[in-house]
Structure formats: structure tokens, C-alpha cells
Amino acid sequence: MKVDIIVAGQAHFKYADEIAELMSESSKAKGTNLAKRTPEYIREKMEYHKAIIAVLPDGTLAGFSYIETWSHTKFVANSGLIVAPKFRKSGLARQIKRKIFNLSIEMYPYAKIFSITTDNAVMKINSELGFRPVTFSELTQEKEFWDGCKGCRNFDVLERNNYRICLCTALLYDPAEHAQKLYTKQNLRQIIKTYLK
């Protein structure tokens, strides 16, 4: 299957209604009913190049994801990962996730990137990218972010636990941790080279 997975822009505004509907249907099917995203909201993400879209050569929408920033860009959420039903289980979600992750690092190199999900496939993809499970206290504490959970049928669990525990798993990628690991590996390589001379 040939599919273009690219940073969305104004040329993709025509897909906003379809994406919003696809997100709503997927949320209902999973029984989560998470925050609804309007076509206007989706177009805004596209306008500022904070979204990835997957489109077939014939113009068929295959998938989408977007970036949301929190706490003055200290945190970045990779959100709204959606794949059209007929393209699921094809590896497309993994490709979109990698692209939105790379876009997040490119746009906000010092931000902590996070994801909250109940989806095992998303957890696996995040783990492959270097995310680790964390408590909710390690994420943004902005009320507006947590208000996005109000439509979920499990919101009472989150509320009863003072926004510290829910049925979702929080995953975090901290660039500082990975930079330190890379720096350590580079040091080790240099030490070995020096020793072997």
C-alpha cells in the first residue's frame, strides 16, 4: 500500500470534517468518548504544521495525528492518533506515530513528550520509541488538559483519585534522559578507541 505520511498544511483543510468524524467514531467504538475535536481545531493544527496526515495517491484519508503543547511548551502531547478502519492492522499507526514523534522533537527539542492511552498497540509503539510508563504527577498539571478527560466514561476514576490514577497508562519521553544515554555511549566508544590505539 502506497501512502504519503506528511506534515499537514492548509492543502489538507478539506479533510478536517472527515478526521473529526473518524475520531468521534473511534472514541465511541472504544467506549472512551474522549474530548471531541472540531474541524476548526483540526484545521488550526494543520495551519501551524502541528499535525501528520496519511493520504493515499487517490486522495483517500488513511490516518492522522497532532501535537498539543502544555505548560508553556515544557510538555508536548502526541494526540489524536487515528487510522481509518480499512487501513488498520497494516502498520500505518506505527508509521504515523513515528512521524508525529519526530515532528515533536524537531519543533520542541527540549520538551517532554507524553501520551495517555489504554491501547496496547500504542503502548508498544511508544515503548519502542523510548517512552516509559510514569505516574500522572509527572505530566502537565494544567487543568485544561485534564478537562479533556471529562467525556470519558472512566473520568470518575480519575476524579476520585485526585487526577493521580486512572485506567489509562501515562507514557513519557524525556529528551534529557536520552541525551545523557547517548552522551554516555559516545564517551564509552571514545574510551574504547583511545584504549585500542
Protein backbone atom coordinates (compact mmCIF):
# COMPACT_ATOMS: atom_id res chain seq x y z
CA MET A 1 0.00 0.00 0.00
CA LYS A 2 1.48 3.32 -1.08
CA VAL A 3 0.62 6.11 1.30
CA ASP A 4 2.08 9.58 1.82
CA ILE A 5 2.67 10.33 5.51
CA ILE A 6 3.49 14.01 5.70
CA VAL A 7 3.23 17.16 7.81
CA ALA A 8 -0.27 18.54 7.25
CA GLY A 9 -0.84 22.05 5.95
CA GLN A 10 -3.58 24.24 4.51
CA ALA A 11 -3.86 21.98 1.48
CA HIS A 12 -5.31 19.35 3.83
CA PHE A 13 -8.07 21.52 5.33
CA LYS A 14 -10.58 19.60 3.17
CA TYR A 15 -10.01 16.51 5.38
CA ALA A 16 -10.84 18.22 8.68
CA ASP A 17 -14.51 17.20 8.81
CA GLU A 18 -13.68 13.60 7.92
CA ILE A 19 -10.92 13.45 10.56
CA ALA A 20 -13.21 14.88 13.27
CA GLU A 21 -15.87 12.31 12.41
CA LEU A 22 -13.34 9.47 12.34
CA MET A 23 -12.03 10.48 15.78
CA SER A 24 -15.56 10.61 17.19
CA GLU A 25 -16.50 7.19 15.77
CA SER A 26 -13.29 5.60 17.03
CA SER A 27 -13.76 7.07 20.51
CA LYS A 28 -17.33 5.75 20.69
CA ALA A 29 -16.26 2.30 19.47
CA LYS A 30 -13.62 2.12 22.22
CA GLY A 31 -16.14 3.38 24.78
CA THR A 32 -13.93 6.23 25.91
CA ASN A 33 -15.75 9.25 24.45
CA LEU A 34 -12.67 11.43 24.89
CA ALA A 35 -12.54 15.13 24.11
CA LYS A 36 -14.20 15.90 20.82
CA ARG A 37 -12.11 17.73 18.27
CA THR A 38 -13.91 20.08 15.93
CA PRO A 39 -12.97 20.51 12.28
CA GLU A 40 -11.87 24.06 13.18
CA TYR A 41 -9.50 22.73 15.83
CA ILE A 42 -8.04 20.23 13.36
CA ARG A 43 -7.59 22.91 10.70
CA GLU A 44 -5.74 25.05 13.25
CA LYS A 45 -3.29 22.20 13.87
CA MET A 46 -2.78 21.85 10.12
CA GLU A 47 -2.31 25.59 9.62
CA TYR A 48 0.54 25.67 12.13
CA HIS A 49 2.06 22.41 10.82
CA LYS A 50 1.41 20.60 14.11
CA ALA A 51 -0.14 17.52 12.54
CA ILE A 52 0.74 14.48 10.47
CA ILE A 53 -1.65 13.17 7.83
CA ALA A 54 -1.59 9.91 5.87
CA VAL A 55 -3.18 10.09 2.42
CA LEU A 56 -3.27 7.64 -0.49
CA PRO A 57 -2.31 8.84 -4.00
CA ASP A 58 -6.02 8.91 -4.93
CA GLY A 59 -6.69 11.34 -2.06
CA THR A 60 -8.21 8.83 0.36
CA LEU A 61 -7.62 9.74 4.01
CA ALA A 62 -5.80 6.91 5.82
CA GLY A 63 -4.73 8.43 9.15
CA PHE A 64 -3.89 11.45 11.28
CA SER A 65 -2.25 12.66 14.50
CA TYR A 66 -1.48 16.04 16.01
CA ILE A 67 0.68 17.84 18.58
CA GLU A 68 -0.61 19.77 21.58
CA THR A 69 1.68 21.78 23.88
CA TRP A 70 1.23 22.32 27.61
CA SER A 71 2.90 24.18 30.47
CA HIS A 72 4.49 26.78 28.14
CA THR A 73 5.88 24.04 25.81
CA LYS A 74 7.53 22.18 28.68
CA PHE A 75 5.30 19.25 27.69
CA VAL A 76 4.13 18.05 24.30
CA ALA A 77 1.31 15.56 23.85
CA ASN A 78 1.15 13.33 20.80
CA SER A 79 -2.61 13.10 20.42
CA GLY A 80 -5.47 12.07 18.19
CA LEU A 81 -3.70 9.14 16.53
CA ILE A 82 -6.34 7.73 14.20
CA VAL A 83 -6.28 5.24 11.34
CA ALA A 84 -9.28 4.74 9.04
CA PRO A 85 -10.86 1.29 9.66
CA LYS A 86 -9.84 -0.29 6.34
CA PHE A 87 -6.18 0.59 6.95
CA ARG A 88 -5.91 -0.74 10.49
CA LYS A 89 -3.52 -3.59 11.35
CA SER A 90 -1.31 -2.58 8.41
CA GLY A 91 1.49 -0.92 10.40
CA LEU A 92 0.23 2.54 9.45
CA ALA A 93 -0.36 3.63 13.07
CA ARG A 94 3.31 2.88 13.85
CA GLN A 95 4.46 4.98 10.87
CA ILE A 96 2.21 7.92 11.81
CA LYS A 97 3.32 7.72 15.43
CA ARG A 98 7.00 7.81 14.42
CA LYS A 99 6.37 10.85 12.21
CA ILE A 100 4.46 12.79 14.89
CA PHE A 101 7.13 11.87 17.45
CA ASN A 102 9.91 13.12 15.14
CA LEU A 103 7.94 16.29 14.38
CA SER A 104 7.53 16.89 18.14
CA ILE A 105 11.29 16.59 18.70
CA GLU A 106 12.02 18.85 15.73
CA MET A 107 9.60 21.57 16.88
CA TYR A 108 10.18 21.26 20.64
CA PRO A 109 13.59 19.62 21.20
CA TYR A 110 13.65 20.25 24.96
CA ALA A 111 10.05 19.31 25.75
CA LYS A 112 8.96 16.14 27.48
CA ILE A 113 6.67 14.20 25.15
CA PHE A 114 3.79 12.27 26.63
CA SER A 115 0.89 10.06 25.72
CA ILE A 116 -2.03 8.71 27.73
CA THR A 117 -3.69 5.59 26.38
CA THR A 118 -5.46 2.33 27.10
CA ASP A 119 -4.46 0.90 23.71
CA ASN A 120 -1.85 -1.89 23.92
CA ALA A 121 -0.62 -1.26 20.37
CA VAL A 122 0.04 2.43 21.14
CA MET A 123 1.84 1.47 24.36
CA LYS A 124 4.06 -0.91 22.42
CA ILE A 125 4.89 1.70 19.77
CA ASN A 126 5.66 4.28 22.46
CA SER A 127 7.95 1.83 24.26
CA GLU A 128 9.85 1.21 21.02
CA LEU A 129 10.41 4.98 20.73
CA GLY A 130 11.84 5.22 24.24
CA PHE A 131 8.78 6.24 26.25
CA ARG A 132 8.48 4.87 29.79
CA PRO A 133 5.41 4.44 31.99
CA VAL A 134 5.05 7.21 34.58
CA THR A 135 2.58 8.40 37.19
CA PHE A 136 0.21 11.18 36.20
CA SER A 137 2.02 13.51 38.59
CA GLU A 138 4.96 13.57 36.12
CA LEU A 139 2.77 15.06 33.38
CA THR A 140 1.43 18.56 32.86
CA GLN A 141 -0.84 19.67 35.66
CA GLU A 142 -2.77 22.17 33.53
CA LYS A 143 -6.47 21.92 34.30
CA GLU A 144 -7.38 22.36 30.62
CA PHE A 145 -5.55 19.16 29.72
CA TRP A 146 -7.38 17.10 32.34
CA ASP A 147 -10.70 18.68 31.36
CA GLY A 148 -10.24 16.82 28.08
CA CYS A 149 -10.87 13.60 30.01
CA LYS A 150 -14.32 14.65 31.18
CA GLY A 151 -16.09 12.92 28.29
CA CYS A 152 -14.52 9.58 29.15
CA ARG A 153 -16.68 7.03 30.96
CA ASN A 154 -13.78 6.47 33.39
CA PHE A 155 -13.49 10.14 34.38
CA ASP A 156 -14.93 9.41 37.83
CA VAL A 157 -11.97 7.08 38.49
CA LEU A 158 -9.55 9.89 37.66
CA GLU A 159 -11.50 12.43 39.71
CA ARG A 160 -11.84 10.15 42.76
CA ASN A 161 -8.07 9.68 42.73
CA ASN A 162 -7.29 13.41 42.53
CA TYR A 163 -6.01 13.12 38.95
CA ARG A 164 -3.19 10.77 40.02
CA ILE A 165 -4.53 7.38 38.88
CA CYS A 166 -6.88 6.19 36.15
CA LEU A 167 -7.34 3.22 33.83
CA CYS A 168 -5.15 4.86 31.19
CA THR A 169 -1.40 4.40 31.17
CA ALA A 170 0.74 7.54 31.04
CA LEU A 171 3.93 7.26 28.98
CA LEU A 172 6.70 9.86 28.89
CA TYR A 173 9.72 10.52 26.69
CA ASP A 174 12.23 12.81 28.39
CA PRO A 175 14.85 14.06 25.89
CA ALA A 176 17.26 14.86 28.74
CA GLU A 177 17.36 11.19 29.76
CA HIS A 178 18.06 10.05 26.20
CA ALA A 179 20.71 12.72 25.62
CA GLN A 180 22.51 11.50 28.73
CA LYS A 181 22.40 7.88 27.50
CA LEU A 182 23.72 8.91 24.09
CA TYR A 183 26.46 11.00 25.69
CA THR A 184 27.47 8.04 27.85
CA LYS A 185 27.58 5.72 24.81
CA GLN A 186 29.69 8.21 22.87
CA ASN A 187 32.08 8.52 25.83
CA LEU A 188 32.36 4.74 26.03
CA ARG A 189 33.14 4.49 22.30
CA GLN A 190 35.81 7.19 22.65
CA ILE A 191 37.38 5.43 25.65
CA ILE A 192 37.48 2.13 23.72
CA LYS A 193 39.05 3.82 20.66
CA THR A 194 41.65 5.52 22.87
CA TYR A 195 42.44 2.24 24.63
CA LEU A 196 42.82 0.32 21.35
CA LYS A 197 45.29 2.85 19.83
